[in-house]
Amino acid sequence: MASKIPQLQSKVNEASQIVARNGASYYKLLMEQNKHYIQDPPTVEKCQSLAKQLFYTRLASIPLRYNSFWKELDHAKNTVKNWKDLSRESVGFAALFGLECFAWFWGGEIVGRGFTFTGYHV
């Protein structure tokens, strides 16, 4: 492991040199390609106006998302009601998805406990 550290340091140095050489030109190119999104001059009032636009746009999309939620829920209820029509493949995918959700939950629990498996540090 210790022999890998100098190799890793050389790769990090190489990457930082590439960024130092090409970073400014990439930034300029990115700004040039997206200049139609930039508000000039950037004032506090304009930023507040954009924040309000985003907020009310999101607020206006709630009914569509609400309807989509109920449509998805009805589909799930229908699938559970007609469980005999399910193929083994779709049941397998559902089981794997549930297992993945369970694993992500417990991974988050372990991270939240400070990377301990046995419990919280008291």
PDB file of N, CA and C in Angstrom:
ATOM      1  N   MET A   1       0.826  -1.192   0.000  1.00  0.00           N
ATOM      2  CA  MET A   1       0.000   0.000   0.000  1.00  0.00           C
ATOM      3  C   MET A   1       0.867   1.252   0.000  1.00  0.00           C
ATOM      4  N   ALA A   2       1.927   1.238   0.796  1.00  0.00           N
ATOM      5  CA  ALA A   2       2.802   2.408   0.879  1.00  0.00           C
ATOM      6  C   ALA A   2       3.522   2.648  -0.449  1.00  0.00           C
ATOM      7  N   SER A   3       3.751   1.600  -1.218  1.00  0.00           N
ATOM      8  CA  SER A   3       4.426   1.771  -2.511  1.00  0.00           C
ATOM      9  C   SER A   3       3.515   2.428  -3.544  1.00  0.00           C
ATOM     10  N   LYS A   4       2.233   2.410  -3.316  1.00  0.00           N
ATOM     11  CA  LYS A   4       1.279   3.009  -4.245  1.00  0.00           C
ATOM     12  C   LYS A   4       1.154   4.520  -4.038  1.00  0.00           C
ATOM     13  N   ILE A   5       1.571   5.022  -2.868  1.00  0.00           N
ATOM     14  CA  ILE A   5       1.395   6.447  -2.566  1.00  0.00           C
ATOM     15  C   ILE A   5       2.187   7.341  -3.521  1.00  0.00           C
ATOM     16  N   PRO A   6       3.472   7.073  -3.771  1.00  0.00           N
ATOM     17  CA  PRO A   6       4.177   7.939  -4.741  1.00  0.00           C
ATOM     18  C   PRO A   6       3.568   7.886  -6.141  1.00  0.00           C
ATOM     19  N   GLN A   7       3.086   6.722  -6.528  1.00  0.00           N
ATOM     20  CA  GLN A   7       2.445   6.582  -7.837  1.00  0.00           C
ATOM     21  C   GLN A   7       1.170   7.417  -7.883  1.00  0.00           C
ATOM     22  N   LEU A   8       0.408   7.373  -6.808  1.00  0.00           N
ATOM     23  CA  LEU A   8      -0.819   8.164  -6.720  1.00  0.00           C
ATOM     24  C   LEU A   8      -0.497   9.657  -6.712  1.00  0.00           C
ATOM     25  N   GLN A   9       0.539  10.054  -5.989  1.00  0.00           N
ATOM     26  CA  GLN A   9       0.934  11.456  -5.954  1.00  0.00           C
ATOM     27  C   GLN A   9       1.337  11.952  -7.337  1.00  0.00           C
ATOM     28  N   SER A  10       2.043  11.130  -8.105  1.00  0.00           N
ATOM     29  CA  SER A  10       2.453  11.547  -9.452  1.00  0.00           C
ATOM     30  C   SER A  10       1.240  11.703 -10.362  1.00  0.00           C
ATOM     31  N   LYS A  11       0.244  10.824 -10.215  1.00  0.00           N
ATOM     32  CA  LYS A  11      -0.974  10.948 -11.025  1.00  0.00           C
ATOM     33  C   LYS A  11      -1.763  12.188 -10.637  1.00  0.00           C
ATOM     34  N   VAL A  12      -1.803  12.511  -9.355  1.00  0.00           N
ATOM     35  CA  VAL A  12      -2.501  13.716  -8.905  1.00  0.00           C
ATOM     36  C   VAL A  12      -1.787  14.956  -9.432  1.00  0.00           C
ATOM     37  N   ASN A  13      -0.465  14.958  -9.380  1.00  0.00           N
ATOM     38  CA  ASN A  13       0.292  16.090  -9.922  1.00  0.00           C
ATOM     39  C   ASN A  13       0.048  16.258 -11.414  1.00  0.00           C
ATOM     40  N   GLU A  14       0.027  15.151 -12.134  1.00  0.00           N
ATOM     41  CA  GLU A  14      -0.216  15.191 -13.571  1.00  0.00           C
ATOM     42  C   GLU A  14      -1.614  15.753 -13.867  1.00  0.00           C
ATOM     43  N   ALA A  15      -2.603  15.307 -13.122  1.00  0.00           N
ATOM     44  CA  ALA A  15      -3.974  15.790 -13.319  1.00  0.00           C
ATOM     45  C   ALA A  15      -4.079  17.271 -12.993  1.00  0.00           C
ATOM     46  N   SER A  16      -3.420  17.710 -11.923  1.00  0.00           N
ATOM     47  CA  SER A  16      -3.488  19.138 -11.567  1.00  0.00           C
ATOM     48  C   SER A  16      -2.787  20.004 -12.608  1.00  0.00           C
ATOM     49  N   GLN A  17      -1.731  19.496 -13.229  1.00  0.00           N
ATOM     50  CA  GLN A  17      -1.064  20.254 -14.293  1.00  0.00           C
ATOM     51  C   GLN A  17      -1.962  20.376 -15.516  1.00  0.00           C
ATOM     52  N   ILE A  18      -2.687  19.317 -15.845  1.00  0.00           N
ATOM     53  CA  ILE A  18      -3.605  19.362 -16.982  1.00  0.00           C
ATOM     54  C   ILE A  18      -4.706  20.378 -16.720  1.00  0.00           C
ATOM     55  N   VAL A  19      -5.241  20.367 -15.502  1.00  0.00           N
ATOM     56  CA  VAL A  19      -6.289  21.320 -15.151  1.00  0.00           C
ATOM     57  C   VAL A  19      -5.748  22.742 -15.185  1.00  0.00           C
ATOM     58  N   ALA A  20      -4.529  22.937 -14.688  1.00  0.00           N
ATOM     59  CA  ALA A  20      -3.933  24.275 -14.690  1.00  0.00           C
ATOM     60  C   ALA A  20      -3.721  24.784 -16.119  1.00  0.00           C
ATOM     61  N   ARG A  21      -3.338  23.890 -17.033  1.00  0.00           N
ATOM     62  CA  ARG A  21      -3.111  24.291 -18.418  1.00  0.00           C
ATOM     63  C   ARG A  21      -4.412  24.547 -19.163  1.00  0.00           C
ATOM     64  N   ASN A  22      -5.386  23.657 -18.978  1.00  0.00           N
ATOM     65  CA  ASN A  22      -6.586  23.692 -19.804  1.00  0.00           C
ATOM     66  C   ASN A  22      -7.814  24.247 -19.093  1.00  0.00           C
ATOM     67  N   GLY A  23      -7.725  24.505 -17.799  1.00  0.00           N
ATOM     68  CA  GLY A  23      -8.892  24.931 -17.034  1.00  0.00           C
ATOM     69  C   GLY A  23      -9.462  26.253 -17.507  1.00  0.00           C
ATOM     70  N   ALA A  24      -8.608  27.232 -17.746  1.00  0.00           N
ATOM     71  CA  ALA A  24      -9.073  28.559 -18.161  1.00  0.00           C
ATOM     72  C   ALA A  24      -9.730  28.502 -19.537  1.00  0.00           C
ATOM     73  N   SER A  25      -9.131  27.770 -20.465  1.00  0.00           N
ATOM     74  CA  SER A  25      -9.727  27.690 -21.804  1.00  0.00           C
ATOM     75  C   SER A  25     -11.059  26.943 -21.761  1.00  0.00           C
ATOM     76  N   TYR A  26     -11.155  25.914 -20.917  1.00  0.00           N
ATOM     77  CA  TYR A  26     -12.426  25.190 -20.780  1.00  0.00           C
ATOM     78  C   TYR A  26     -13.497  26.101 -20.192  1.00  0.00           C
ATOM     79  N   TYR A  27     -13.115  26.883 -19.183  1.00  0.00           N
ATOM     80  CA  TYR A  27     -14.062  27.817 -18.566  1.00  0.00           C
ATOM     81  C   TYR A  27     -14.558  28.833 -19.591  1.00  0.00           C
ATOM     82  N   LYS A  28     -13.647  29.394 -20.378  1.00  0.00           N
ATOM     83  CA  LYS A  28     -14.036  30.378 -21.395  1.00  0.00           C
ATOM     84  C   LYS A  28     -14.966  29.749 -22.438  1.00  0.00           C
ATOM     85  N   LEU A  29     -14.654  28.553 -22.870  1.00  0.00           N
ATOM     86  CA  LEU A  29     -15.491  27.858 -23.845  1.00  0.00           C
ATOM     87  C   LEU A  29     -16.881  27.581 -23.268  1.00  0.00           C
ATOM     88  N   LEU A  30     -16.917  27.138 -22.021  1.00  0.00           N
ATOM     89  CA  LEU A  30     -18.192  26.853 -21.364  1.00  0.00           C
ATOM     90  C   LEU A  30     -19.036  28.115 -21.238  1.00  0.00           C
ATOM     91  N   MET A  31     -18.426  29.219 -20.860  1.00  0.00           N
ATOM     92  CA  MET A  31     -19.157  30.475 -20.723  1.00  0.00           C
ATOM     93  C   MET A  31     -19.629  30.997 -22.085  1.00  0.00           C
ATOM     94  N   GLU A  32     -18.828  30.796 -23.111  1.00  0.00           N
ATOM     95  CA  GLU A  32     -19.203  31.237 -24.451  1.00  0.00           C
ATOM     96  C   GLU A  32     -20.396  30.436 -24.978  1.00  0.00           C
ATOM     97  N   GLN A  33     -20.389  29.138 -24.727  1.00  0.00           N
ATOM     98  CA  GLN A  33     -21.483  28.293 -25.210  1.00  0.00           C
ATOM     99  C   GLN A  33     -22.795  28.563 -24.471  1.00  0.00           C
ATOM    100  N   ASN A  34     -22.707  29.044 -23.242  1.00  0.00           N
ATOM    101  CA  ASN A  34     -23.905  29.229 -22.425  1.00  0.00           C
ATOM    102  C   ASN A  34     -24.161  30.689 -22.085  1.00  0.00           C
ATOM    103  N   LYS A  35     -23.685  31.596 -22.910  1.00  0.00           N
ATOM    104  CA  LYS A  35     -23.835  33.012 -22.592  1.00  0.00           C
ATOM    105  C   LYS A  35     -25.286  33.482 -22.654  1.00  0.00           C
ATOM    106  N   HIS A  36     -26.153  32.759 -23.358  1.00  0.00           N
ATOM    107  CA  HIS A  36     -27.549  33.163 -23.427  1.00  0.00           C
ATOM    108  C   HIS A  36     -28.283  32.914 -22.107  1.00  0.00           C
ATOM    109  N   TYR A  37     -27.689  32.134 -21.189  1.00  0.00           N
ATOM    110  CA  TYR A  37     -28.286  31.913 -19.881  1.00  0.00           C
ATOM    111  C   TYR A  37     -27.824  32.929 -18.841  1.00  0.00           C
ATOM    112  N   ILE A  38     -26.805  33.685 -19.145  1.00  0.00           N
ATOM    113  CA  ILE A  38     -26.203  34.590 -18.163  1.00  0.00           C
ATOM    114  C   ILE A  38     -26.972  35.900 -18.132  1.00  0.00           C
ATOM    115  N   GLN A  39     -27.316  36.350 -16.927  1.00  0.00           N
ATOM    116  CA  GLN A  39     -28.006  37.616 -16.732  1.00  0.00           C
ATOM    117  C   GLN A  39     -26.953  38.704 -16.543  1.00  0.00           C
ATOM    118  N   ASP A  40     -27.005  39.704 -17.372  1.00  0.00           N
ATOM    119  CA  ASP A  40     -26.012  40.770 -17.299  1.00  0.00           C
ATOM    120  C   ASP A  40     -26.718  42.101 -17.145  1.00  0.00           C
ATOM    121  N   PRO A  41     -26.489  42.883 -16.181  1.00  0.00           N
ATOM    122  CA  PRO A  41     -25.569  42.711 -15.063  1.00  0.00           C
ATOM    123  C   PRO A  41     -26.194  41.854 -13.975  1.00  0.00           C
ATOM    124  N   PRO A  42     -25.375  41.126 -13.231  1.00  0.00           N
ATOM    125  CA  PRO A  42     -25.911  40.258 -12.174  1.00  0.00           C
ATOM    126  C   PRO A  42     -26.262  41.078 -10.929  1.00  0.00           C
ATOM    127  N   THR A  43     -27.506  41.452 -10.810  1.00  0.00           N
ATOM    128  CA  THR A  43     -27.920  42.265  -9.672  1.00  0.00           C
ATOM    129  C   THR A  43     -28.693  41.408  -8.673  1.00  0.00           C
ATOM    130  N   VAL A  44     -28.822  41.923  -7.468  1.00  0.00           N
ATOM    131  CA  VAL A  44     -29.559  41.224  -6.428  1.00  0.00           C
ATOM    132  C   VAL A  44     -31.027  41.097  -6.826  1.00  0.00           C
ATOM    133  N   GLU A  45     -31.573  42.152  -7.418  1.00  0.00           N
ATOM    134  CA  GLU A  45     -32.972  42.126  -7.819  1.00  0.00           C
ATOM    135  C   GLU A  45     -33.222  41.038  -8.863  1.00  0.00           C
ATOM    136  N   LYS A  46     -32.297  40.913  -9.822  1.00  0.00           N
ATOM    137  CA  LYS A  46     -32.450  39.896 -10.862  1.00  0.00           C
ATOM    138  C   LYS A  46     -32.367  38.489 -10.259  1.00  0.00           C
ATOM    139  N   CYS A  47     -31.457  38.300  -9.314  1.00  0.00           N
ATOM    140  CA  CYS A  47     -31.336  36.999  -8.656  1.00  0.00           C
ATOM    141  C   CYS A  47     -32.601  36.667  -7.869  1.00  0.00           C
ATOM    142  N   GLN A  48     -33.174  37.657  -7.196  1.00  0.00           N
ATOM    143  CA  GLN A  48     -34.413  37.432  -6.463  1.00  0.00           C
ATOM    144  C   GLN A  48     -35.558  37.120  -7.426  1.00  0.00           C
ATOM    145  N   SER A  49     -35.575  37.808  -8.557  1.00  0.00           N
ATOM    146  CA  SER A  49     -36.606  37.547  -9.558  1.00  0.00           C
ATOM    147  C   SER A  49     -36.494  36.128 -10.099  1.00  0.00           C
ATOM    148  N   LEU A  50     -35.278  35.679 -10.379  1.00  0.00           N
ATOM    149  CA  LEU A  50     -35.077  34.316 -10.875  1.00  0.00           C
ATOM    150  C   LEU A  50     -35.455  33.281  -9.819  1.00  0.00           C
ATOM    151  N   ALA A  51     -35.147  33.567  -8.563  1.00  0.00           N
ATOM    152  CA  ALA A  51     -35.505  32.650  -7.491  1.00  0.00           C
ATOM    153  C   ALA A  51     -37.030  32.536  -7.379  1.00  0.00           C
ATOM    154  N   LYS A  52     -37.729  33.666  -7.510  1.00  0.00           N
ATOM    155  CA  LYS A  52     -39.195  33.632  -7.457  1.00  0.00           C
ATOM    156  C   LYS A  52     -39.763  32.866  -8.644  1.00  0.00           C
ATOM    157  N   GLN A  53     -39.169  33.066  -9.830  1.00  0.00           N
ATOM    158  CA  GLN A  53     -39.637  32.331 -11.007  1.00  0.00           C
ATOM    159  C   GLN A  53     -39.486  30.823 -10.795  1.00  0.00           C
ATOM    160  N   LEU A  54     -38.344  30.418 -10.261  1.00  0.00           N
ATOM    161  CA  LEU A  54     -38.122  28.995 -10.008  1.00  0.00           C
ATOM    162  C   LEU A  54     -39.123  28.468  -8.989  1.00  0.00           C
ATOM    163  N   PHE A  55     -39.336  29.215  -7.910  1.00  0.00           N
ATOM    164  CA  PHE A  55     -40.259  28.781  -6.868  1.00  0.00           C
ATOM    165  C   PHE A  55     -41.668  28.611  -7.418  1.00  0.00           C
ATOM    166  N   TYR A  56     -42.160  29.609  -8.135  1.00  0.00           N
ATOM    167  CA  TYR A  56     -43.535  29.535  -8.628  1.00  0.00           C
ATOM    168  C   TYR A  56     -43.690  28.545  -9.780  1.00  0.00           C
ATOM    169  N   THR A  57     -42.627  28.317 -10.535  1.00  0.00           N
ATOM    170  CA  THR A  57     -42.676  27.285 -11.564  1.00  0.00           C
ATOM    171  C   THR A  57     -42.798  25.911 -10.914  1.00  0.00           C
ATOM    172  N   ARG A  58     -42.025  25.692  -9.863  1.00  0.00           N
ATOM    173  CA  ARG A  58     -42.119  24.428  -9.135  1.00  0.00           C
ATOM    174  C   ARG A  58     -43.494  24.282  -8.488  1.00  0.00           C
ATOM    175  N   LEU A  59     -43.997  25.374  -7.942  1.00  0.00           N
ATOM    176  CA  LEU A  59     -45.312  25.348  -7.310  1.00  0.00           C
ATOM    177  C   LEU A  59     -46.401  25.025  -8.326  1.00  0.00           C
ATOM    178  N   ALA A  60     -46.274  25.557  -9.532  1.00  0.00           N
ATOM    179  CA  ALA A  60     -47.262  25.298 -10.574  1.00  0.00           C
ATOM    180  C   ALA A  60     -47.221  23.853 -11.063  1.00  0.00           C
ATOM    181  N   SER A  61     -46.109  23.170 -10.872  1.00  0.00           N
ATOM    182  CA  SER A  61     -46.009  21.786 -11.345  1.00  0.00           C
ATOM    183  C   SER A  61     -46.557  20.782 -10.338  1.00  0.00           C
ATOM    184  N   ILE A  62     -46.967  21.230  -9.158  1.00  0.00           N
ATOM    185  CA  ILE A  62     -47.470  20.299  -8.143  1.00  0.00           C
ATOM    186  C   ILE A  62     -48.701  19.532  -8.618  1.00  0.00           C
ATOM    187  N   PRO A  63     -49.705  20.169  -9.225  1.00  0.00           N
ATOM    188  CA  PRO A  63     -50.870  19.371  -9.667  1.00  0.00           C
ATOM    189  C   PRO A  63     -50.510  18.254 -10.650  1.00  0.00           C
ATOM    190  N   LEU A  64     -49.589  18.520 -11.555  1.00  0.00           N
ATOM    191  CA  LEU A  64     -49.183  17.472 -12.508  1.00  0.00           C
ATOM    192  C   LEU A  64     -48.494  16.320 -11.787  1.00  0.00           C
ATOM    193  N   ARG A  65     -47.611  16.659 -10.846  1.00  0.00           N
ATOM    194  CA  ARG A  65     -46.924  15.614 -10.096  1.00  0.00           C
ATOM    195  C   ARG A  65     -47.893  14.860  -9.194  1.00  0.00           C
ATOM    196  N   TYR A  66     -48.876  15.567  -8.645  1.00  0.00           N
ATOM    197  CA  TYR A  66     -49.890  14.951  -7.796  1.00  0.00           C
ATOM    198  C   TYR A  66     -50.702  13.927  -8.592  1.00  0.00           C
ATOM    199  N   ASN A  67     -51.123  14.315  -9.792  1.00  0.00           N
ATOM    200  CA  ASN A  67     -51.873  13.395 -10.650  1.00  0.00           C
ATOM    201  C   ASN A  67     -51.023  12.200 -11.063  1.00  0.00           C
ATOM    202  N   SER A  68     -49.750  12.442 -11.363  1.00  0.00           N
ATOM    203  CA  SER A  68     -48.856  11.344 -11.733  1.00  0.00           C
ATOM    204  C   SER A  68     -48.676  10.373 -10.575  1.00  0.00           C
ATOM    205  N   PHE A  69     -48.593  10.910  -9.358  1.00  0.00           N
ATOM    206  CA  PHE A  69     -48.456  10.052  -8.187  1.00  0.00           C
ATOM    207  C   PHE A  69     -49.647   9.112  -8.055  1.00  0.00           C
ATOM    208  N   TRP A  70     -50.858   9.643  -8.193  1.00  0.00           N
ATOM    209  CA  TRP A  70     -52.041   8.801  -8.043  1.00  0.00           C
ATOM    210  C   TRP A  70     -52.154   7.786  -9.179  1.00  0.00           C
ATOM    211  N   LYS A  71     -51.727   8.172 -10.363  1.00  0.00           N
ATOM    212  CA  LYS A  71     -51.746   7.234 -11.485  1.00  0.00           C
ATOM    213  C   LYS A  71     -50.777   6.072 -11.221  1.00  0.00           C
ATOM    214  N   GLU A  72     -49.580   6.390 -10.731  1.00  0.00           N
ATOM    215  CA  GLU A  72     -48.599   5.351 -10.399  1.00  0.00           C
ATOM    216  C   GLU A  72     -49.106   4.468  -9.273  1.00  0.00           C
ATOM    217  N   LEU A  73     -49.750   5.067  -8.273  1.00  0.00           N
ATOM    218  CA  LEU A  73     -50.278   4.296  -7.154  1.00  0.00           C
ATOM    219  C   LEU A  73     -51.390   3.350  -7.621  1.00  0.00           C
ATOM    220  N   ASP A  74     -52.261   3.833  -8.498  1.00  0.00           N
ATOM    221  CA  ASP A  74     -53.313   2.962  -9.038  1.00  0.00           C
ATOM    222  C   ASP A  74     -52.724   1.794  -9.825  1.00  0.00           C
ATOM    223  N   HIS A  75     -51.653   2.082 -10.577  1.00  0.00           N
ATOM    224  CA  HIS A  75     -50.986   1.018 -11.325  1.00  0.00           C
ATOM    225  C   HIS A  75     -50.392  -0.020 -10.372  1.00  0.00           C
ATOM    226  N   ALA A  76     -49.775   0.443  -9.290  1.00  0.00           N
ATOM    227  CA  ALA A  76     -49.191  -0.478  -8.317  1.00  0.00           C
ATOM    228  C   ALA A  76     -50.277  -1.309  -7.638  1.00  0.00           C
ATOM    229  N   LYS A  77     -51.392  -0.670  -7.299  1.00  0.00           N
ATOM    230  CA  LYS A  77     -52.510  -1.411  -6.694  1.00  0.00           C
ATOM    231  C   LYS A  77     -53.046  -2.475  -7.654  1.00  0.00           C
ATOM    232  N   ASN A  78     -53.167  -2.118  -8.920  1.00  0.00           N
ATOM    233  CA  ASN A  78     -53.653  -3.057  -9.927  1.00  0.00           C
ATOM    234  C   ASN A  78     -52.687  -4.232 -10.097  1.00  0.00           C
ATOM    235  N   THR A  79     -51.389  -3.935 -10.034  1.00  0.00           N
ATOM    236  CA  THR A  79     -50.390  -4.998 -10.157  1.00  0.00           C
ATOM    237  C   THR A  79     -50.470  -5.953  -8.978  1.00  0.00           C
ATOM    238  N   VAL A  80     -50.640  -5.411  -7.770  1.00  0.00           N
ATOM    239  CA  VAL A  80     -50.756  -6.267  -6.585  1.00  0.00           C
ATOM    240  C   VAL A  80     -52.041  -7.080  -6.634  1.00  0.00           C
ATOM    241  N   LYS A  81     -53.115  -6.457  -7.118  1.00  0.00           N
ATOM    242  CA  LYS A  81     -54.402  -7.149  -7.199  1.00  0.00           C
ATOM    243  C   LYS A  81     -54.333  -8.324  -8.179  1.00  0.00           C
ATOM    244  N   ASN A  82     -53.605  -8.153  -9.277  1.00  0.00           N
ATOM    245  CA  ASN A  82     -53.478  -9.190 -10.300  1.00  0.00           C
ATOM    246  C   ASN A  82     -52.099  -9.846 -10.234  1.00  0.00           C
ATOM    247  N   TRP A  83     -51.674 -10.236  -9.052  1.00  0.00           N
ATOM    248  CA  TRP A  83     -50.336 -10.767  -8.865  1.00  0.00           C
ATOM    249  C   TRP A  83     -50.118 -12.096  -9.577  1.00  0.00           C
ATOM    250  N   LYS A  84     -51.164 -12.813  -9.884  1.00  0.00           N
ATOM    251  CA  LYS A  84     -51.007 -14.106 -10.561  1.00  0.00           C
ATOM    252  C   LYS A  84     -50.591 -13.936 -12.025  1.00  0.00           C
ATOM    253  N   ASP A  85     -50.806 -12.749 -12.576  1.00  0.00           N
ATOM    254  CA  ASP A  85     -50.443 -12.483 -13.968  1.00  0.00           C
ATOM    255  C   ASP A  85     -48.984 -12.068 -14.136  1.00  0.00           C
ATOM    256  N   LEU A  86     -48.259 -11.926 -13.031  1.00  0.00           N
ATOM    257  CA  LEU A  86     -46.869 -11.469 -13.101  1.00  0.00           C
ATOM    258  C   LEU A  86     -45.956 -12.590 -13.590  1.00  0.00           C
ATOM    259  N   SER A  87     -44.953 -12.218 -14.354  1.00  0.00           N
ATOM    260  CA  SER A  87     -43.969 -13.198 -14.808  1.00  0.00           C
ATOM    261  C   SER A  87     -42.868 -13.330 -13.757  1.00  0.00           C
ATOM    262  N   ARG A  88     -42.113 -14.385 -13.860  1.00  0.00           N
ATOM    263  CA  ARG A  88     -40.997 -14.579 -12.924  1.00  0.00           C
ATOM    264  C   ARG A  88     -39.963 -13.479 -13.068  1.00  0.00           C
ATOM    265  N   GLU A  89     -39.792 -13.011 -14.275  1.00  0.00           N
ATOM    266  CA  GLU A  89     -38.801 -11.962 -14.515  1.00  0.00           C
ATOM    267  C   GLU A  89     -39.167 -10.678 -13.775  1.00  0.00           C
ATOM    268  N   SER A  90     -40.426 -10.265 -13.873  1.00  0.00           N
ATOM    269  CA  SER A  90     -40.816  -9.022 -13.197  1.00  0.00           C
ATOM    270  C   SER A  90     -40.792  -9.187 -11.680  1.00  0.00           C
ATOM    271  N   VAL A  91     -41.129 -10.372 -11.175  1.00  0.00           N
ATOM    272  CA  VAL A  91     -41.034 -10.626  -9.735  1.00  0.00           C
ATOM    273  C   VAL A  91     -39.568 -10.595  -9.299  1.00  0.00           C
ATOM    274  N   GLY A  92     -38.693 -11.156 -10.113  1.00  0.00           N
ATOM    275  CA  GLY A  92     -37.264 -11.136  -9.802  1.00  0.00           C
ATOM    276  C   GLY A  92     -36.712  -9.720  -9.773  1.00  0.00           C
ATOM    277  N   PHE A  93     -37.114  -8.905 -10.755  1.00  0.00           N
ATOM    278  CA  PHE A  93     -36.669  -7.509 -10.757  1.00  0.00           C
ATOM    279  C   PHE A  93     -37.178  -6.765  -9.531  1.00  0.00           C
ATOM    280  N   ALA A  94     -38.415  -7.016  -9.154  1.00  0.00           N
ATOM    281  CA  ALA A  94     -38.973  -6.354  -7.971  1.00  0.00           C
ATOM    282  C   ALA A  94     -38.225  -6.784  -6.711  1.00  0.00           C
ATOM    283  N   ALA A  95     -37.894  -8.073  -6.616  1.00  0.00           N
ATOM    284  CA  ALA A  95     -37.155  -8.569  -5.454  1.00  0.00           C
ATOM    285  C   ALA A  95     -35.757  -7.963  -5.402  1.00  0.00           C
ATOM    286  N   LEU A  96     -35.089  -7.878  -6.548  1.00  0.00           N
ATOM    287  CA  LEU A  96     -33.763  -7.266  -6.576  1.00  0.00           C
ATOM    288  C   LEU A  96     -33.826  -5.784  -6.229  1.00  0.00           C
ATOM    289  N   PHE A  97     -34.842  -5.108  -6.699  1.00  0.00           N
ATOM    290  CA  PHE A  97     -35.007  -3.694  -6.366  1.00  0.00           C
ATOM    291  C   PHE A  97     -35.222  -3.520  -4.857  1.00  0.00           C
ATOM    292  N   GLY A  98     -36.057  -4.352  -4.275  1.00  0.00           N
ATOM    293  CA  GLY A  98     -36.278  -4.294  -2.830  1.00  0.00           C
ATOM    294  C   GLY A  98     -34.999  -4.576  -2.056  1.00  0.00           C
ATOM    295  N   LEU A  99     -34.233  -5.550  -2.502  1.00  0.00           N
ATOM    296  CA  LEU A  99     -32.958  -5.870  -1.864  1.00  0.00           C
ATOM    297  C   LEU A  99     -31.986  -4.701  -1.976  1.00  0.00           C
ATOM    298  N   GLU A 100     -31.957  -4.054  -3.134  1.00  0.00           N
ATOM    299  CA  GLU A 100     -31.076  -2.901  -3.306  1.00  0.00           C
ATOM    300  C   GLU A 100     -31.488  -1.755  -2.381  1.00  0.00           C
ATOM    301  N   CYS A 101     -32.783  -1.498  -2.266  1.00  0.00           N
ATOM    302  CA  CYS A 101     -33.254  -0.450  -1.346  1.00  0.00           C
ATOM    303  C   CYS A 101     -32.854  -0.774   0.089  1.00  0.00           C
ATOM    304  N   PHE A 102     -33.005  -2.041   0.477  1.00  0.00           N
ATOM    305  CA  PHE A 102     -32.626  -2.473   1.813  1.00  0.00           C
ATOM    306  C   PHE A 102     -31.132  -2.266   2.049  1.00  0.00           C
ATOM    307  N   ALA A 103     -30.312  -2.618   1.061  1.00  0.00           N
ATOM    308  CA  ALA A 103     -28.861  -2.461   1.198  1.00  0.00           C
ATOM    309  C   ALA A 103     -28.480  -0.992   1.297  1.00  0.00           C
ATOM    310  N   TRP A 104     -29.088  -0.120   0.489  1.00  0.00           N
ATOM    311  CA  TRP A 104     -28.787   1.314   0.580  1.00  0.00           C
ATOM    312  C   TRP A 104     -29.210   1.871   1.933  1.00  0.00           C
ATOM    313  N   PHE A 105     -30.341   1.390   2.468  1.00  0.00           N
ATOM    314  CA  PHE A 105     -30.791   1.833   3.782  1.00  0.00           C
ATOM    315  C   PHE A 105     -29.759   1.482   4.839  1.00  0.00           C
ATOM    316  N   TRP A 106     -29.310   0.231   4.843  1.00  0.00           N
ATOM    317  CA  TRP A 106     -28.353  -0.166   5.862  1.00  0.00           C
ATOM    318  C   TRP A 106     -26.992   0.465   5.642  1.00  0.00           C
ATOM    319  N   GLY A 107     -26.614   0.714   4.400  1.00  0.00           N
ATOM    320  CA  GLY A 107     -25.376   1.452   4.145  1.00  0.00           C
ATOM    321  C   GLY A 107     -25.438   2.846   4.740  1.00  0.00           C
ATOM    322  N   GLY A 108     -26.580   3.500   4.578  1.00  0.00           N
ATOM    323  CA  GLY A 108     -26.762   4.819   5.170  1.00  0.00           C
ATOM    324  C   GLY A 108     -26.750   4.772   6.679  1.00  0.00           C
ATOM    325  N   GLU A 109     -27.318   3.721   7.248  1.00  0.00           N
ATOM    326  CA  GLU A 109     -27.288   3.567   8.703  1.00  0.00           C
ATOM    327  C   GLU A 109     -25.854   3.428   9.204  1.00  0.00           C
ATOM    328  N   ILE A 110     -25.065   2.639   8.509  1.00  0.00           N
ATOM    329  CA  ILE A 110     -23.676   2.434   8.917  1.00  0.00           C
ATOM    330  C   ILE A 110     -22.892   3.734   8.801  1.00  0.00           C
ATOM    331  N   VAL A 111     -23.088   4.468   7.730  1.00  0.00           N
ATOM    332  CA  VAL A 111     -22.406   5.752   7.563  1.00  0.00           C
ATOM    333  C   VAL A 111     -22.854   6.723   8.647  1.00  0.00           C
ATOM    334  N   GLY A 112     -24.145   6.736   8.941  1.00  0.00           N
ATOM    335  CA  GLY A 112     -24.664   7.634   9.964  1.00  0.00           C
ATOM    336  C   GLY A 112     -24.145   7.328  11.352  1.00  0.00           C
ATOM    337  N   ARG A 113     -23.807   6.076  11.601  1.00  0.00           N
ATOM    338  CA  ARG A 113     -23.265   5.697  12.910  1.00  0.00           C
ATOM    339  C   ARG A 113     -21.764   5.922  12.975  1.00  0.00           C
ATOM    340  N   GLY A 114     -21.176   6.459  11.952  1.00  0.00           N
ATOM    341  CA  GLY A 114     -19.730   6.681  11.969  1.00  0.00           C
ATOM    342  C   GLY A 114     -18.948   5.467  11.532  1.00  0.00           C
ATOM    343  N   PHE A 115     -19.490   4.712  10.590  1.00  0.00           N
ATOM    344  CA  PHE A 115     -18.837   3.543   9.997  1.00  0.00           C
ATOM    345  C   PHE A 115     -18.591   2.434  11.021  1.00  0.00           C
ATOM    346  N   THR A 116     -19.532   2.241  11.940  1.00  0.00           N
ATOM    347  CA  THR A 116     -19.454   1.111  12.865  1.00  0.00           C
ATOM    348  C   THR A 116     -20.607   0.170  12.568  1.00  0.00           C
ATOM    349  N   PHE A 117     -20.346  -1.109  12.733  1.00  0.00           N
ATOM    350  CA  PHE A 117     -21.378  -2.118  12.496  1.00  0.00           C
ATOM    351  C   PHE A 117     -22.149  -2.447  13.767  1.00  0.00           C
ATOM    352  N   THR A 118     -21.535  -2.180  14.932  1.00  0.00           N
ATOM    353  CA  THR A 118     -22.111  -2.641  16.183  1.00  0.00           C
ATOM    354  C   THR A 118     -23.021  -1.629  16.860  1.00  0.00           C
ATOM    355  N   GLY A 119     -22.840  -0.356  16.609  1.00  0.00           N
ATOM    356  CA  GLY A 119     -23.718   0.620  17.255  1.00  0.00           C
ATOM    357  C   GLY A 119     -23.115   1.995  17.255  1.00  0.00           C
ATOM    358  N   TYR A 120     -23.784   2.866  17.957  1.00  0.00           N
ATOM    359  CA  TYR A 120     -23.346   4.259  18.012  1.00  0.00           C
ATOM    360  C   TYR A 120     -22.222   4.420  19.026  1.00  0.00           C
ATOM    361  N   HIS A 121     -21.351   5.393  18.786  1.00  0.00           N
ATOM    362  CA  HIS A 121     -20.306   5.727  19.752  1.00  0.00           C
ATOM    363  C   HIS A 121     -20.961   6.521  20.882  1.00  0.00           C
ATOM    364  N   VAL A 122     -20.823   6.033  22.094  1.00  0.00           N
ATOM    365  CA  VAL A 122     -21.461   6.720  23.232  1.00  0.00           C
ATOM    366  C   VAL A 122     -20.390   7.309  24.110  1.00  0.00           C
TER     367      VAL A 122
END
